Amino acid sequence: MKTWSQSGDTVTVVAPADINSGEGLMIGVLFGVAVSTATSGSDLEICTTGVVDLPKASGAITQGAKVYWDNTAKVVTTTATSNTLIGCAIVAAAVGDAAVGDATARVRLNGVVV
């Protein structure tokens, strides 16, 4: 097909800030996870679909729960208000952080722009 460009599982964006490989980021309403480390203003490949481990807020997350990206705190949360839906939890994550409980959530990215 002449109009087809790519599958969209990964896309190239301009890094809005310095970012490390594996960090989540928002470009407008597009959420993705950095495939590599990049400096602000440089091209960056981001993963928009698939299953990734991301830092989470302190609350528990149940398996199958909708998860949202808190772009201020740069964490996954189950709080919808003022956050962007990015997918669902694949496994449960306990209350807590790195010291007590789970510091990350395993998320299936939905790749949907909302």
C-alpha atoms as a PDB file:
ATOM      1  CA  MET A   1       0.000   0.000   0.000  1.00  0.00           C
ATOM      2  CA  LYS A   2       1.407   3.379  -1.000  1.00  0.00           C
ATOM      3  CA  THR A   3       0.212   5.203   2.131  1.00  0.00           C
ATOM      4  CA  TRP A   4       1.554   2.711   4.709  1.00  0.00           C
ATOM      5  CA  SER A   5       4.540   4.001   6.676  1.00  0.00           C
ATOM      6  CA  GLN A   6       5.237   1.632   9.605  1.00  0.00           C
ATOM      7  CA  SER A   7       3.570  -0.622  12.182  1.00  0.00           C
ATOM      8  CA  GLY A   8       3.802   2.012  14.941  1.00  0.00           C
ATOM      9  CA  ASP A   9       5.047  -0.358  17.659  1.00  0.00           C
ATOM     10  CA  THR A  10       8.011   1.998  17.914  1.00  0.00           C
ATOM     11  CA  VAL A  11       8.103   5.533  16.595  1.00  0.00           C
ATOM     12  CA  THR A  12      10.712   8.271  16.368  1.00  0.00           C
ATOM     13  CA  VAL A  13      10.028  11.454  18.345  1.00  0.00           C
ATOM     14  CA  VAL A  14      12.073  14.437  19.459  1.00  0.00           C
ATOM     15  CA  ALA A  15      13.110  13.960  23.096  1.00  0.00           C
ATOM     16  CA  PRO A  16      11.363  16.650  25.187  1.00  0.00           C
ATOM     17  CA  ALA A  17      14.097  16.421  27.853  1.00  0.00           C
ATOM     18  CA  ASP A  18      17.122  14.276  28.670  1.00  0.00           C
ATOM     19  CA  ILE A  19      15.766  10.748  29.027  1.00  0.00           C
ATOM     20  CA  ASN A  20      17.167   7.348  29.945  1.00  0.00           C
ATOM     21  CA  SER A  21      16.434   4.045  28.264  1.00  0.00           C
ATOM     22  CA  GLY A  22      13.328   2.469  29.788  1.00  0.00           C
ATOM     23  CA  GLU A  23      11.770   5.701  31.056  1.00  0.00           C
ATOM     24  CA  GLY A  24       8.192   6.573  30.204  1.00  0.00           C
ATOM     25  CA  LEU A  25       7.372   9.869  28.543  1.00  0.00           C
ATOM     26  CA  MET A  26       4.525  11.847  27.050  1.00  0.00           C
ATOM     27  CA  ILE A  27       4.740  13.664  23.725  1.00  0.00           C
ATOM     28  CA  GLY A  28       1.450  15.564  23.645  1.00  0.00           C
ATOM     29  CA  VAL A  29      -1.092  12.750  24.093  1.00  0.00           C
ATOM     30  CA  LEU A  30       1.290  10.010  22.880  1.00  0.00           C
ATOM     31  CA  PHE A  31       2.819   7.817  25.602  1.00  0.00           C
ATOM     32  CA  GLY A  32       5.888   5.685  25.023  1.00  0.00           C
ATOM     33  CA  VAL A  33       8.894   4.118  26.680  1.00  0.00           C
ATOM     34  CA  ALA A  34      12.367   5.202  25.589  1.00  0.00           C
ATOM     35  CA  VAL A  35      14.229   2.494  23.695  1.00  0.00           C
ATOM     36  CA  SER A  36      17.573   4.216  24.353  1.00  0.00           C
ATOM     37  CA  THR A  37      19.049   7.175  26.199  1.00  0.00           C
ATOM     38  CA  ALA A  38      18.724  10.561  24.489  1.00  0.00           C
ATOM     39  CA  THR A  39      19.436  14.208  25.143  1.00  0.00           C
ATOM     40  CA  SER A  40      16.782  16.900  24.891  1.00  0.00           C
ATOM     41  CA  GLY A  41      16.031  17.804  21.274  1.00  0.00           C
ATOM     42  CA  SER A  42      17.537  14.684  19.745  1.00  0.00           C
ATOM     43  CA  ASP A  43      15.677  11.911  17.913  1.00  0.00           C
ATOM     44  CA  LEU A  44      14.431   9.137  20.199  1.00  0.00           C
ATOM     45  CA  GLU A  45      12.762   5.817  19.463  1.00  0.00           C
ATOM     46  CA  ILE A  46       9.880   5.055  21.823  1.00  0.00           C
ATOM     47  CA  CYS A  47       7.946   1.832  22.261  1.00  0.00           C
ATOM     48  CA  THR A  48       4.177   2.430  22.153  1.00  0.00           C
ATOM     49  CA  THR A  49       2.966  -1.166  22.522  1.00  0.00           C
ATOM     50  CA  GLY A  50       4.076  -4.310  24.303  1.00  0.00           C
ATOM     51  CA  VAL A  51       4.690  -5.201  27.947  1.00  0.00           C
ATOM     52  CA  VAL A  52       7.026  -3.061  30.065  1.00  0.00           C
ATOM     53  CA  ASP A  53       7.956  -2.580  33.712  1.00  0.00           C
ATOM     54  CA  LEU A  54       7.445   1.011  34.851  1.00  0.00           C
ATOM     55  CA  PRO A  55       7.822   2.794  38.198  1.00  0.00           C
ATOM     56  CA  LYS A  56       4.538   3.004  40.073  1.00  0.00           C
ATOM     57  CA  ALA A  57       2.840   5.195  42.632  1.00  0.00           C
ATOM     58  CA  SER A  58       2.696   3.883  46.204  1.00  0.00           C
ATOM     59  CA  GLY A  59      -0.757   2.273  45.925  1.00  0.00           C
ATOM     60  CA  ALA A  60      -1.524  -1.344  45.058  1.00  0.00           C
ATOM     61  CA  ILE A  61      -2.418  -2.287  41.486  1.00  0.00           C
ATOM     62  CA  THR A  62      -4.526  -5.358  40.774  1.00  0.00           C
ATOM     63  CA  GLN A  63      -4.014  -7.618  37.789  1.00  0.00           C
ATOM     64  CA  GLY A  64      -6.054  -6.376  34.845  1.00  0.00           C
ATOM     65  CA  ALA A  65      -6.572  -2.886  36.289  1.00  0.00           C
ATOM     66  CA  LYS A  66      -6.481   0.108  33.966  1.00  0.00           C
ATOM     67  CA  VAL A  67      -3.279   2.050  34.552  1.00  0.00           C
ATOM     68  CA  TYR A  68      -2.564   5.687  33.876  1.00  0.00           C
ATOM     69  CA  TRP A  69       0.615   7.720  33.481  1.00  0.00           C
ATOM     70  CA  ASP A  70       1.161  10.506  36.004  1.00  0.00           C
ATOM     71  CA  ASN A  71       3.377  12.728  33.898  1.00  0.00           C
ATOM     72  CA  THR A  72       4.244  14.984  36.844  1.00  0.00           C
ATOM     73  CA  ALA A  73       5.544  12.204  39.102  1.00  0.00           C
ATOM     74  CA  LYS A  74       6.599   9.994  36.126  1.00  0.00           C
ATOM     75  CA  VAL A  75       4.856   6.906  37.566  1.00  0.00           C
ATOM     76  CA  VAL A  76       2.044   4.479  36.770  1.00  0.00           C
ATOM     77  CA  THR A  77      -1.101   4.900  38.859  1.00  0.00           C
ATOM     78  CA  THR A  78      -4.702   3.697  38.968  1.00  0.00           C
ATOM     79  CA  THR A  79      -5.884   7.290  39.411  1.00  0.00           C
ATOM     80  CA  ALA A  80      -7.566   8.468  36.227  1.00  0.00           C
ATOM     81  CA  THR A  81      -8.023  12.130  37.168  1.00  0.00           C
ATOM     82  CA  SER A  82      -5.448  14.376  35.441  1.00  0.00           C
ATOM     83  CA  ASN A  83      -3.559  11.316  34.113  1.00  0.00           C
ATOM     84  CA  THR A  84      -3.370   9.503  30.750  1.00  0.00           C
ATOM     85  CA  LEU A  85      -4.619   5.940  30.199  1.00  0.00           C
ATOM     86  CA  ILE A  86      -1.665   3.882  28.927  1.00  0.00           C
ATOM     87  CA  GLY A  87      -2.826   0.270  29.310  1.00  0.00           C
ATOM     88  CA  CYS A  88      -3.489  -2.353  31.969  1.00  0.00           C
ATOM     89  CA  ALA A  89      -1.548  -4.199  34.654  1.00  0.00           C
ATOM     90  CA  ILE A  90      -0.441  -7.688  33.657  1.00  0.00           C
ATOM     91  CA  VAL A  91       0.359  -8.799  37.222  1.00  0.00           C
ATOM     92  CA  ALA A  92      -0.633  -7.417  40.612  1.00  0.00           C
ATOM     93  CA  ALA A  93       1.745  -4.955  42.286  1.00  0.00           C
ATOM     94  CA  ALA A  94       1.746  -4.570  46.062  1.00  0.00           C
ATOM     95  CA  VAL A  95       1.388  -1.347  47.989  1.00  0.00           C
ATOM     96  CA  GLY A  96       4.724   0.337  48.512  1.00  0.00           C
ATOM     97  CA  ASP A  97       7.914   1.444  46.887  1.00  0.00           C
ATOM     98  CA  ALA A  98      11.415   0.021  46.522  1.00  0.00           C
ATOM     99  CA  ALA A  99      11.828  -0.190  50.325  1.00  0.00           C
ATOM    100  CA  VAL A 100       8.528  -1.975  51.019  1.00  0.00           C
ATOM    101  CA  GLY A 101       6.362  -3.651  48.402  1.00  0.00           C
ATOM    102  CA  ASP A 102       6.646  -3.250  44.655  1.00  0.00           C
ATOM    103  CA  ALA A 103       8.403  -0.293  43.055  1.00  0.00           C
ATOM    104  CA  THR A 104       7.267  -1.179  39.535  1.00  0.00           C
ATOM    105  CA  ALA A 105       4.188  -2.346  37.684  1.00  0.00           C
ATOM    106  CA  ARG A 106       4.201  -4.647  34.670  1.00  0.00           C
ATOM    107  CA  VAL A 107       2.045  -2.911  32.089  1.00  0.00           C
ATOM    108  CA  ARG A 108       0.657  -3.918  28.716  1.00  0.00           C
ATOM    109  CA  LEU A 109       0.746  -0.686  26.742  1.00  0.00           C
ATOM    110  CA  ASN A 110      -2.410  -0.124  24.738  1.00  0.00           C
ATOM    111  CA  GLY A 111      -0.776   2.110  22.120  1.00  0.00           C
ATOM    112  CA  VAL A 112      -3.987   4.156  21.937  1.00  0.00           C
ATOM    113  CA  VAL A 113      -3.959   7.939  21.751  1.00  0.00           C
ATOM    114  CA  VAL A 114      -6.783   9.366  23.869  1.00  0.00           C
END
